[in-house]
């Protein structure tokens, strides 16, 4: 496979991860999506999107959901021979889970300047002291991944302002309205 083919495949699978992120968005979850792919035949083994609010579970990140689904489907915890596609750079918890599950490759869309544990804040997945390192490709469909997050948080800020305004108006005496 030539480099151009790999790039097209990366975009194809990142598009699937974006669809997972859109599901999270529609649920009111932070829109991050993940897809785990078998490197040998390109089969999508599992998918996941954020479910932290829905499940009230701090570990229900897109990457963790995809890993859990894959280990259940494959009946094994070692996910060697797999690539994880995720729309946003993984956090420390997820990066650690990728290393522990022995995933071969990580492809992500946009950097995460506050929590990113692959390149932005920490470098968990290829730290020289760990017994497993993951190949990383960053910036695949970066603009689309970033825009979805920005749109979500813009919507959230607007909702919060509207709630504050409604609460303020409810608290006013009738004569001041």
N, C-alpha and C. Protein backbone atom coordinates (compact mmCIF):
# COMPACT_ATOMS: atom_id res chain seq x y z
N UNK A 1 0.84 -1.17 0.00
CA UNK A 1 0.00 0.00 0.00
C UNK A 1 0.89 1.24 0.00
N UNK A 2 0.63 2.19 -0.89
CA UNK A 2 1.44 3.40 -0.94
C UNK A 2 0.93 4.42 0.07
N UNK A 3 1.73 5.45 0.29
CA UNK A 3 1.41 6.46 1.30
C UNK A 3 0.06 7.12 1.01
N UNK A 4 -0.25 7.40 -0.24
CA UNK A 4 -1.52 8.01 -0.62
C UNK A 4 -2.71 7.15 -0.23
N UNK A 5 -2.58 5.81 -0.43
CA UNK A 5 -3.65 4.90 -0.05
C UNK A 5 -3.88 4.92 1.45
N UNK A 6 -2.80 4.96 2.22
CA UNK A 6 -2.91 4.98 3.68
C UNK A 6 -3.64 6.25 4.12
N UNK A 7 -3.31 7.38 3.48
CA UNK A 7 -3.95 8.64 3.81
C UNK A 7 -5.45 8.57 3.53
N UNK A 8 -5.82 7.98 2.39
CA UNK A 8 -7.24 7.83 2.05
C UNK A 8 -7.94 6.93 3.05
N UNK A 9 -7.30 5.84 3.44
CA UNK A 9 -7.87 4.96 4.45
C UNK A 9 -8.03 5.70 5.77
N UNK A 10 -7.02 6.47 6.17
CA UNK A 10 -7.10 7.22 7.41
C UNK A 10 -8.29 8.17 7.38
N UNK A 11 -8.49 8.84 6.27
CA UNK A 11 -9.63 9.76 6.15
C UNK A 11 -10.96 9.00 6.17
N UNK A 12 -10.99 7.85 5.53
CA UNK A 12 -12.21 7.02 5.51
C UNK A 12 -12.61 6.63 6.94
N UNK A 13 -11.66 6.13 7.71
CA UNK A 13 -11.98 5.69 9.07
C UNK A 13 -12.21 6.87 10.01
N UNK A 14 -11.52 7.99 9.77
CA UNK A 14 -11.77 9.17 10.60
C UNK A 14 -13.17 9.71 10.34
N UNK A 15 -13.65 9.57 9.12
CA UNK A 15 -15.02 9.97 8.82
C UNK A 15 -16.01 9.14 9.64
N UNK A 16 -15.71 7.86 9.81
CA UNK A 16 -16.56 7.01 10.66
C UNK A 16 -16.48 7.46 12.12
N UNK A 17 -15.30 7.83 12.58
CA UNK A 17 -15.14 8.33 13.95
C UNK A 17 -15.92 9.64 14.12
N UNK A 18 -15.91 10.48 13.11
CA UNK A 18 -16.69 11.73 13.17
C UNK A 18 -18.19 11.44 13.27
N UNK A 19 -18.65 10.40 12.61
CA UNK A 19 -20.07 10.01 12.72
C UNK A 19 -20.40 9.60 14.16
N UNK A 20 -19.46 8.92 14.79
CA UNK A 20 -19.65 8.56 16.21
C UNK A 20 -19.68 9.83 17.07
N UNK A 21 -18.80 10.78 16.77
CA UNK A 21 -18.77 12.05 17.51
C UNK A 21 -20.09 12.80 17.35
N UNK A 22 -20.65 12.76 16.15
CA UNK A 22 -21.94 13.42 15.90
C UNK A 22 -23.05 12.78 16.73
N UNK A 23 -22.99 11.47 16.93
CA UNK A 23 -23.97 10.80 17.80
C UNK A 23 -23.88 11.36 19.21
N UNK A 24 -22.65 11.51 19.69
CA UNK A 24 -22.45 12.07 21.03
C UNK A 24 -23.01 13.49 21.10
N UNK A 25 -22.73 14.29 20.09
CA UNK A 25 -23.21 15.67 20.02
C UNK A 25 -24.74 15.71 20.17
N UNK A 26 -25.42 14.87 19.41
CA UNK A 26 -26.89 14.84 19.44
C UNK A 26 -27.44 14.39 20.79
N UNK A 27 -26.63 13.68 21.55
CA UNK A 27 -27.03 13.22 22.89
C UNK A 27 -26.68 14.25 23.96
N UNK A 28 -26.02 15.33 23.58
CA UNK A 28 -25.58 16.32 24.55
C UNK A 28 -24.27 15.96 25.21
N UNK A 29 -23.58 15.00 24.64
CA UNK A 29 -22.27 14.58 25.13
C UNK A 29 -21.17 15.34 24.39
N UNK A 30 -20.00 15.49 25.01
CA UNK A 30 -18.87 16.09 24.31
C UNK A 30 -18.62 15.24 23.06
N UNK A 31 -18.59 15.87 21.88
CA UNK A 31 -18.56 15.11 20.63
C UNK A 31 -17.19 14.56 20.24
N UNK A 32 -16.88 13.43 20.83
CA UNK A 32 -15.66 12.70 20.48
C UNK A 32 -16.09 11.30 20.07
N UNK A 33 -15.54 10.84 18.95
CA UNK A 33 -15.87 9.51 18.46
C UNK A 33 -14.61 8.72 18.17
N UNK A 34 -14.74 7.39 18.23
CA UNK A 34 -13.60 6.50 18.01
C UNK A 34 -14.04 5.27 17.22
N UNK A 35 -13.12 4.77 16.42
CA UNK A 35 -13.34 3.55 15.64
C UNK A 35 -12.06 2.73 15.71
N UNK A 36 -12.19 1.45 16.04
CA UNK A 36 -11.05 0.54 16.11
C UNK A 36 -11.09 -0.37 14.88
N UNK A 37 -9.95 -0.43 14.16
CA UNK A 37 -9.89 -1.11 12.87
C UNK A 37 -8.80 -2.17 12.89
N UNK A 38 -9.11 -3.34 12.32
CA UNK A 38 -8.13 -4.41 12.16
C UNK A 38 -7.19 -4.03 11.02
N UNK A 39 -5.90 -3.97 11.31
CA UNK A 39 -4.90 -3.55 10.31
C UNK A 39 -4.79 -4.53 9.14
N UNK A 40 -5.09 -5.79 9.39
CA UNK A 40 -4.90 -6.80 8.34
C UNK A 40 -5.92 -6.70 7.22
N UNK A 41 -7.19 -6.55 7.58
CA UNK A 41 -8.22 -6.56 6.54
C UNK A 41 -9.09 -5.31 6.51
N UNK A 42 -8.83 -4.34 7.38
CA UNK A 42 -9.59 -3.09 7.38
C UNK A 42 -10.98 -3.19 7.99
N UNK A 43 -11.26 -4.29 8.66
CA UNK A 43 -12.56 -4.46 9.29
C UNK A 43 -12.69 -3.53 10.49
N UNK A 44 -13.84 -2.87 10.60
CA UNK A 44 -14.13 -2.08 11.79
C UNK A 44 -14.54 -3.06 12.89
N UNK A 45 -13.73 -3.13 13.92
CA UNK A 45 -13.95 -4.08 15.01
C UNK A 45 -14.93 -3.51 16.03
N UNK A 46 -14.82 -2.20 16.30
CA UNK A 46 -15.72 -1.58 17.26
C UNK A 46 -15.77 -0.08 17.04
N UNK A 47 -16.77 0.53 17.67
CA UNK A 47 -16.98 1.97 17.60
C UNK A 47 -17.32 2.46 19.00
N UNK A 48 -17.12 3.74 19.21
CA UNK A 48 -17.51 4.31 20.49
C UNK A 48 -17.62 5.82 20.40
N UNK A 49 -18.41 6.38 21.29
CA UNK A 49 -18.50 7.83 21.43
C UNK A 49 -18.70 8.13 22.91
N UNK A 50 -18.44 9.37 23.27
CA UNK A 50 -18.55 9.75 24.68
C UNK A 50 -19.93 9.45 25.23
N UNK A 51 -19.95 8.89 26.43
CA UNK A 51 -21.20 8.58 27.13
C UNK A 51 -21.11 8.95 28.61
N UNK A 52 -20.21 9.86 28.96
CA UNK A 52 -19.99 10.20 30.37
C UNK A 52 -21.26 10.72 31.04
N UNK A 53 -21.96 11.63 30.39
CA UNK A 53 -23.17 12.20 30.99
C UNK A 53 -24.30 11.16 31.02
N UNK A 54 -24.45 10.45 29.94
CA UNK A 54 -25.51 9.44 29.83
C UNK A 54 -25.35 8.36 30.90
N UNK A 55 -24.14 7.88 31.07
CA UNK A 55 -23.88 6.79 32.03
C UNK A 55 -23.46 7.29 33.40
N UNK A 56 -23.21 8.59 33.52
CA UNK A 56 -22.67 9.15 34.76
C UNK A 56 -21.43 8.36 35.17
N UNK A 57 -20.53 8.21 34.20
CA UNK A 57 -19.32 7.42 34.37
C UNK A 57 -18.15 8.21 33.78
N UNK A 58 -17.23 8.62 34.64
CA UNK A 58 -16.09 9.42 34.21
C UNK A 58 -15.19 8.68 33.22
N UNK A 59 -15.27 7.36 33.16
CA UNK A 59 -14.43 6.59 32.25
C UNK A 59 -15.10 6.28 30.92
N UNK A 60 -16.30 6.76 30.69
CA UNK A 60 -17.05 6.44 29.47
C UNK A 60 -16.65 7.35 28.31
N UNK A 61 -15.35 7.44 28.06
CA UNK A 61 -14.82 8.20 26.93
C UNK A 61 -14.96 7.36 25.66
N UNK A 62 -14.93 8.02 24.52
CA UNK A 62 -15.09 7.33 23.23
C UNK A 62 -14.08 6.19 23.07
N UNK A 63 -12.81 6.48 23.40
CA UNK A 63 -11.76 5.48 23.24
C UNK A 63 -12.01 4.27 24.14
N UNK A 64 -12.41 4.53 25.38
CA UNK A 64 -12.67 3.44 26.34
C UNK A 64 -13.86 2.60 25.87
N UNK A 65 -14.87 3.25 25.33
CA UNK A 65 -16.04 2.52 24.84
C UNK A 65 -15.64 1.62 23.67
N UNK A 66 -14.81 2.12 22.77
CA UNK A 66 -14.36 1.32 21.62
C UNK A 66 -13.50 0.15 22.09
N UNK A 67 -12.62 0.39 23.06
CA UNK A 67 -11.77 -0.68 23.58
C UNK A 67 -12.62 -1.74 24.27
N UNK A 68 -13.56 -1.33 25.11
CA UNK A 68 -14.44 -2.30 25.79
C UNK A 68 -15.23 -3.14 24.80
N UNK A 69 -15.78 -2.49 23.78
CA UNK A 69 -16.56 -3.22 22.78
C UNK A 69 -15.68 -4.21 22.02
N UNK A 70 -14.46 -3.82 21.70
CA UNK A 70 -13.55 -4.70 20.97
C UNK A 70 -13.14 -5.90 21.81
N UNK A 71 -12.80 -5.67 23.08
CA UNK A 71 -12.37 -6.80 23.91
C UNK A 71 -13.53 -7.77 24.14
N UNK A 72 -14.75 -7.25 24.21
CA UNK A 72 -15.91 -8.13 24.35
C UNK A 72 -16.14 -8.93 23.07
N UNK A 73 -16.03 -8.26 21.93
CA UNK A 73 -16.27 -8.94 20.65
C UNK A 73 -15.20 -9.97 20.33
N UNK A 74 -13.95 -9.63 20.64
CA UNK A 74 -12.83 -10.51 20.29
C UNK A 74 -12.47 -11.50 21.40
N UNK A 75 -13.03 -11.28 22.58
CA UNK A 75 -12.75 -12.13 23.75
C UNK A 75 -11.25 -12.17 24.07
N UNK A 76 -10.62 -10.99 24.01
CA UNK A 76 -9.21 -10.87 24.38
C UNK A 76 -8.92 -9.41 24.72
N UNK A 77 -7.98 -9.21 25.63
CA UNK A 77 -7.64 -7.83 26.01
C UNK A 77 -6.52 -7.25 25.17
N UNK A 78 -5.71 -8.09 24.56
CA UNK A 78 -4.63 -7.61 23.70
C UNK A 78 -5.20 -7.26 22.33
N UNK A 79 -5.07 -6.01 21.97
CA UNK A 79 -5.61 -5.54 20.70
C UNK A 79 -4.49 -5.24 19.70
N UNK A 80 -3.50 -6.12 19.69
CA UNK A 80 -2.41 -5.97 18.72
C UNK A 80 -3.00 -6.12 17.31
N UNK A 81 -2.34 -5.47 16.36
CA UNK A 81 -2.82 -5.53 14.98
C UNK A 81 -3.98 -4.58 14.72
N UNK A 82 -4.20 -3.63 15.61
CA UNK A 82 -5.33 -2.72 15.50
C UNK A 82 -4.87 -1.26 15.43
N UNK A 83 -5.68 -0.44 14.78
CA UNK A 83 -5.49 1.01 14.77
C UNK A 83 -6.74 1.65 15.34
N UNK A 84 -6.54 2.60 16.24
CA UNK A 84 -7.67 3.36 16.79
C UNK A 84 -7.70 4.72 16.11
N UNK A 85 -8.85 5.07 15.58
CA UNK A 85 -9.10 6.39 15.01
C UNK A 85 -9.98 7.13 15.99
N UNK A 86 -9.55 8.31 16.40
CA UNK A 86 -10.32 9.12 17.35
C UNK A 86 -10.26 10.57 16.93
N UNK A 87 -11.37 11.27 17.09
CA UNK A 87 -11.48 12.63 16.58
C UNK A 87 -10.61 13.64 17.32
N UNK A 88 -10.37 13.43 18.61
CA UNK A 88 -9.60 14.36 19.43
C UNK A 88 -8.48 13.58 20.13
N UNK A 89 -7.34 14.22 20.31
CA UNK A 89 -6.20 13.62 20.99
C UNK A 89 -6.62 13.02 22.34
N UNK A 90 -6.29 11.76 22.61
CA UNK A 90 -6.69 11.11 23.86
C UNK A 90 -6.10 11.76 25.12
N UNK A 91 -6.85 11.65 26.20
CA UNK A 91 -6.41 12.11 27.52
C UNK A 91 -5.47 11.06 28.12
N UNK A 92 -4.98 11.33 29.31
CA UNK A 92 -4.03 10.41 29.96
C UNK A 92 -4.65 9.04 30.23
N UNK A 93 -5.90 9.02 30.68
CA UNK A 93 -6.56 7.73 30.96
C UNK A 93 -6.66 6.91 29.68
N UNK A 94 -7.12 7.53 28.61
CA UNK A 94 -7.31 6.80 27.36
C UNK A 94 -5.98 6.41 26.73
N UNK A 95 -5.01 7.30 26.79
CA UNK A 95 -3.68 6.97 26.26
C UNK A 95 -3.09 5.78 27.00
N UNK A 96 -3.26 5.75 28.31
CA UNK A 96 -2.79 4.61 29.10
C UNK A 96 -3.51 3.33 28.72
N UNK A 97 -4.81 3.41 28.48
CA UNK A 97 -5.58 2.24 28.07
C UNK A 97 -5.12 1.73 26.70
N UNK A 98 -4.76 2.65 25.80
CA UNK A 98 -4.26 2.24 24.49
C UNK A 98 -2.95 1.47 24.63
N UNK A 99 -2.07 1.97 25.47
CA UNK A 99 -0.79 1.28 25.71
C UNK A 99 -1.06 -0.08 26.34
N UNK A 100 -1.89 -0.11 27.38
CA UNK A 100 -2.16 -1.37 28.08
C UNK A 100 -2.86 -2.40 27.22
N UNK A 101 -3.65 -1.96 26.25
CA UNK A 101 -4.33 -2.93 25.37
C UNK A 101 -3.49 -3.30 24.16
N UNK A 102 -2.29 -2.71 24.06
CA UNK A 102 -1.30 -3.06 23.02
C UNK A 102 -1.74 -2.71 21.60
N UNK A 103 -2.54 -1.66 21.47
CA UNK A 103 -2.93 -1.18 20.15
C UNK A 103 -1.67 -0.74 19.40
N UNK A 104 -1.58 -1.06 18.11
CA UNK A 104 -0.38 -0.76 17.32
C UNK A 104 -0.28 0.69 16.90
N UNK A 105 -1.41 1.27 16.53
CA UNK A 105 -1.36 2.60 15.91
C UNK A 105 -2.54 3.44 16.37
N UNK A 106 -2.29 4.73 16.52
CA UNK A 106 -3.31 5.71 16.87
C UNK A 106 -3.34 6.78 15.79
N UNK A 107 -4.53 7.09 15.31
CA UNK A 107 -4.73 8.19 14.37
C UNK A 107 -5.76 9.11 15.01
N UNK A 108 -5.39 10.38 15.18
CA UNK A 108 -6.38 11.30 15.74
C UNK A 108 -6.49 12.56 14.90
N UNK A 109 -7.61 13.24 15.09
CA UNK A 109 -7.91 14.42 14.30
C UNK A 109 -7.27 15.68 14.83
N UNK A 110 -7.78 16.19 15.92
CA UNK A 110 -7.35 17.48 16.44
C UNK A 110 -6.63 17.33 17.78
N UNK A 111 -5.65 18.20 17.99
CA UNK A 111 -4.93 18.23 19.27
C UNK A 111 -5.86 18.69 20.38
N UNK A 112 -5.51 18.35 21.61
CA UNK A 112 -6.27 18.76 22.79
C UNK A 112 -5.30 19.46 23.74
N UNK A 113 -5.27 20.77 23.70
CA UNK A 113 -4.24 21.53 24.41
C UNK A 113 -4.33 21.47 25.93
N UNK A 114 -5.48 21.10 26.46
CA UNK A 114 -5.63 21.05 27.93
C UNK A 114 -5.42 19.66 28.52
N UNK A 115 -5.83 18.62 27.79
CA UNK A 115 -5.80 17.27 28.34
C UNK A 115 -5.06 16.25 27.48
N UNK A 116 -4.58 16.65 26.33
CA UNK A 116 -3.97 15.70 25.40
C UNK A 116 -2.74 15.01 25.96
N UNK A 117 -2.76 13.69 25.93
CA UNK A 117 -1.66 12.91 26.52
C UNK A 117 -0.89 12.11 25.48
N UNK A 118 -0.93 12.57 24.24
CA UNK A 118 -0.18 11.92 23.17
C UNK A 118 0.95 12.84 22.70
N UNK A 119 0.63 14.12 22.56
CA UNK A 119 1.64 15.08 22.12
C UNK A 119 1.51 16.44 22.80
N UNK A 120 0.31 16.85 23.16
CA UNK A 120 0.08 18.22 23.63
C UNK A 120 0.58 18.49 25.04
N UNK A 121 0.10 17.73 26.01
CA UNK A 121 0.48 17.94 27.42
C UNK A 121 1.46 16.87 27.88
N UNK A 122 1.15 15.62 27.56
CA UNK A 122 2.00 14.49 27.91
C UNK A 122 2.30 13.68 26.65
N UNK A 123 3.19 12.71 26.78
CA UNK A 123 3.46 11.77 25.70
C UNK A 123 3.44 10.37 26.31
N UNK A 124 2.25 9.86 26.51
CA UNK A 124 2.09 8.55 27.15
C UNK A 124 2.33 7.41 26.16
N UNK A 125 1.83 7.53 24.94
CA UNK A 125 1.80 6.39 24.03
C UNK A 125 3.15 6.00 23.42
N UNK A 126 4.13 6.89 23.50
CA UNK A 126 5.44 6.51 22.97
C UNK A 126 6.56 6.87 23.94
N UNK A 127 6.23 6.87 25.21
CA UNK A 127 7.24 7.18 26.23
C UNK A 127 8.31 6.08 26.23
N UNK A 128 9.54 6.49 26.29
CA UNK A 128 10.67 5.56 26.15
C UNK A 128 10.76 4.53 27.28
N UNK A 129 10.17 4.79 28.43
CA UNK A 129 10.26 3.85 29.55
C UNK A 129 9.17 2.78 29.55
N UNK A 130 8.19 2.93 28.69
CA UNK A 130 7.11 1.94 28.65
C UNK A 130 7.50 0.74 27.79
N UNK A 131 6.88 -0.39 28.07
CA UNK A 131 7.19 -1.61 27.33
C UNK A 131 6.46 -1.72 26.00
N UNK A 132 5.53 -0.82 25.73
CA UNK A 132 4.81 -0.83 24.46
C UNK A 132 4.68 0.62 23.98
N UNK A 133 4.97 0.83 22.73
CA UNK A 133 4.84 2.15 22.13
C UNK A 133 3.90 2.06 20.93
N UNK A 134 3.21 3.15 20.69
CA UNK A 134 2.20 3.20 19.65
C UNK A 134 2.62 4.20 18.58
N UNK A 135 2.51 3.79 17.33
CA UNK A 135 2.76 4.71 16.22
C UNK A 135 1.60 5.70 16.16
N UNK A 136 1.91 6.97 15.90
CA UNK A 136 0.89 8.02 15.94
C UNK A 136 0.88 8.81 14.64
N UNK A 137 -0.33 9.05 14.15
CA UNK A 137 -0.56 9.97 13.04
C UNK A 137 -1.58 10.98 13.53
N UNK A 138 -1.22 12.26 13.51
CA UNK A 138 -2.11 13.32 13.98
C UNK A 138 -2.56 14.21 12.83
N UNK A 139 -3.69 14.87 13.03
CA UNK A 139 -4.15 15.88 12.08
C UNK A 139 -5.00 15.38 10.94
N UNK A 140 -5.51 14.15 11.02
CA UNK A 140 -6.36 13.63 9.95
C UNK A 140 -7.77 14.22 10.11
N UNK A 141 -8.23 14.91 9.09
CA UNK A 141 -9.51 15.64 9.11
C UNK A 141 -9.58 16.58 10.32
N UNK A 142 -8.45 17.18 10.60
CA UNK A 142 -8.30 18.02 11.80
C UNK A 142 -9.34 19.13 11.88
N UNK A 143 -9.56 19.84 10.80
CA UNK A 143 -10.50 20.96 10.81
C UNK A 143 -11.91 20.50 11.14
N UNK A 144 -12.35 19.40 10.53
CA UNK A 144 -13.70 18.89 10.79
C UNK A 144 -13.85 18.46 12.26
N UNK A 145 -12.82 17.82 12.79
CA UNK A 145 -12.86 17.37 14.18
C UNK A 145 -12.89 18.57 15.13
N UNK A 146 -12.06 19.55 14.86
CA UNK A 146 -12.00 20.75 15.71
C UNK A 146 -13.31 21.53 15.64
N UNK A 147 -13.83 21.69 14.43
CA UNK A 147 -15.06 22.46 14.24
C UNK A 147 -16.23 21.85 15.01
N UNK A 148 -16.35 20.53 15.01
CA UNK A 148 -17.44 19.88 15.74
C UNK A 148 -17.35 20.20 17.23
N UNK A 149 -16.15 20.15 17.78
CA UNK A 149 -15.97 20.50 19.19
C UNK A 149 -16.30 21.97 19.45
N UNK A 150 -15.81 22.85 18.59
CA UNK A 150 -16.07 24.28 18.76
C UNK A 150 -17.56 24.58 18.68
N UNK A 151 -18.26 23.98 17.73
CA UNK A 151 -19.70 24.18 17.60
C UNK A 151 -20.44 23.70 18.85
N UNK A 152 -20.01 22.56 19.36
CA UNK A 152 -20.66 22.02 20.56
C UNK A 152 -20.51 22.96 21.75
N UNK A 153 -19.30 23.43 21.99
CA UNK A 153 -19.09 24.29 23.15
C UNK A 153 -19.69 25.68 22.95
N UNK A 154 -19.79 26.14 21.73
CA UNK A 154 -20.49 27.40 21.45
C UNK A 154 -21.97 27.23 21.80
N UNK A 155 -22.57 26.11 21.38
CA UNK A 155 -23.96 25.82 21.69
C UNK A 155 -24.16 25.74 23.21
N UNK A 156 -23.24 25.06 23.89
CA UNK A 156 -23.34 24.94 25.35
C UNK A 156 -23.31 26.30 26.04
N UNK A 157 -22.39 27.17 25.60
CA UNK A 157 -22.32 28.52 26.19
C UNK A 157 -23.61 29.28 25.96
N UNK A 158 -24.18 29.16 24.77
CA UNK A 158 -25.45 29.84 24.48
C UNK A 158 -26.57 29.29 25.36
N UNK A 159 -26.61 28.00 25.55
CA UNK A 159 -27.63 27.38 26.42
C UNK A 159 -27.47 27.87 27.86
N UNK A 160 -26.24 27.93 28.33
CA UNK A 160 -25.98 28.38 29.70
C UNK A 160 -26.38 29.84 29.89
N UNK A 161 -26.08 30.69 28.90
CA UNK A 161 -26.50 32.10 28.99
C UNK A 161 -28.02 32.21 29.02
N UNK A 162 -28.69 31.43 28.19
CA UNK A 162 -30.16 31.46 28.16
C UNK A 162 -30.75 31.01 29.49
N UNK A 163 -30.16 29.98 30.10
CA UNK A 163 -30.64 29.50 31.41
C UNK A 163 -30.45 30.57 32.48
N UNK A 164 -29.29 31.22 32.47
CA UNK A 164 -29.02 32.28 33.45
C UNK A 164 -30.00 33.43 33.28
N UNK A 165 -30.26 33.80 32.04
CA UNK A 165 -31.19 34.89 31.78
C UNK A 165 -32.59 34.53 32.25
N UNK A 166 -33.02 33.30 31.97
CA UNK A 166 -34.34 32.85 32.41
C UNK A 166 -34.44 32.82 33.93
N UNK A 167 -33.39 32.35 34.59
CA UNK A 167 -33.38 32.31 36.06
C UNK A 167 -33.44 33.71 36.64
N UNK A 168 -32.71 34.63 36.03
CA UNK A 168 -32.69 36.01 36.50
C UNK A 168 -34.08 36.63 36.35
N UNK A 169 -34.73 36.41 35.20
CA UNK A 169 -36.05 36.99 34.96
C UNK A 169 -37.09 36.39 35.89
N UNK A 170 -36.97 35.10 36.21
CA UNK A 170 -37.89 34.48 37.18
C UNK A 170 -37.74 35.07 38.57
N UNK A 171 -36.54 35.47 38.91
CA UNK A 171 -36.28 36.01 40.24
C UNK A 171 -36.73 37.46 40.40
N UNK A 172 -36.98 38.17 39.28
CA UNK A 172 -37.41 39.56 39.37
C UNK A 172 -38.84 39.66 39.90
N UNK A 173 -39.10 40.65 40.73
CA UNK A 173 -40.49 40.87 41.16
C UNK A 173 -41.35 41.25 39.95
N UNK A 174 -42.63 40.97 40.01
CA UNK A 174 -43.52 41.23 38.89
C UNK A 174 -43.49 42.68 38.45
N UNK A 175 -43.30 43.60 39.36
CA UNK A 175 -43.33 45.01 39.01
C UNK A 175 -42.10 45.44 38.21
N UNK A 176 -41.04 44.64 38.21
CA UNK A 176 -39.81 45.01 37.50
C UNK A 176 -39.73 44.41 36.10
N UNK A 177 -40.64 43.56 35.74
CA UNK A 177 -40.57 42.91 34.43
C UNK A 177 -40.95 43.82 33.32
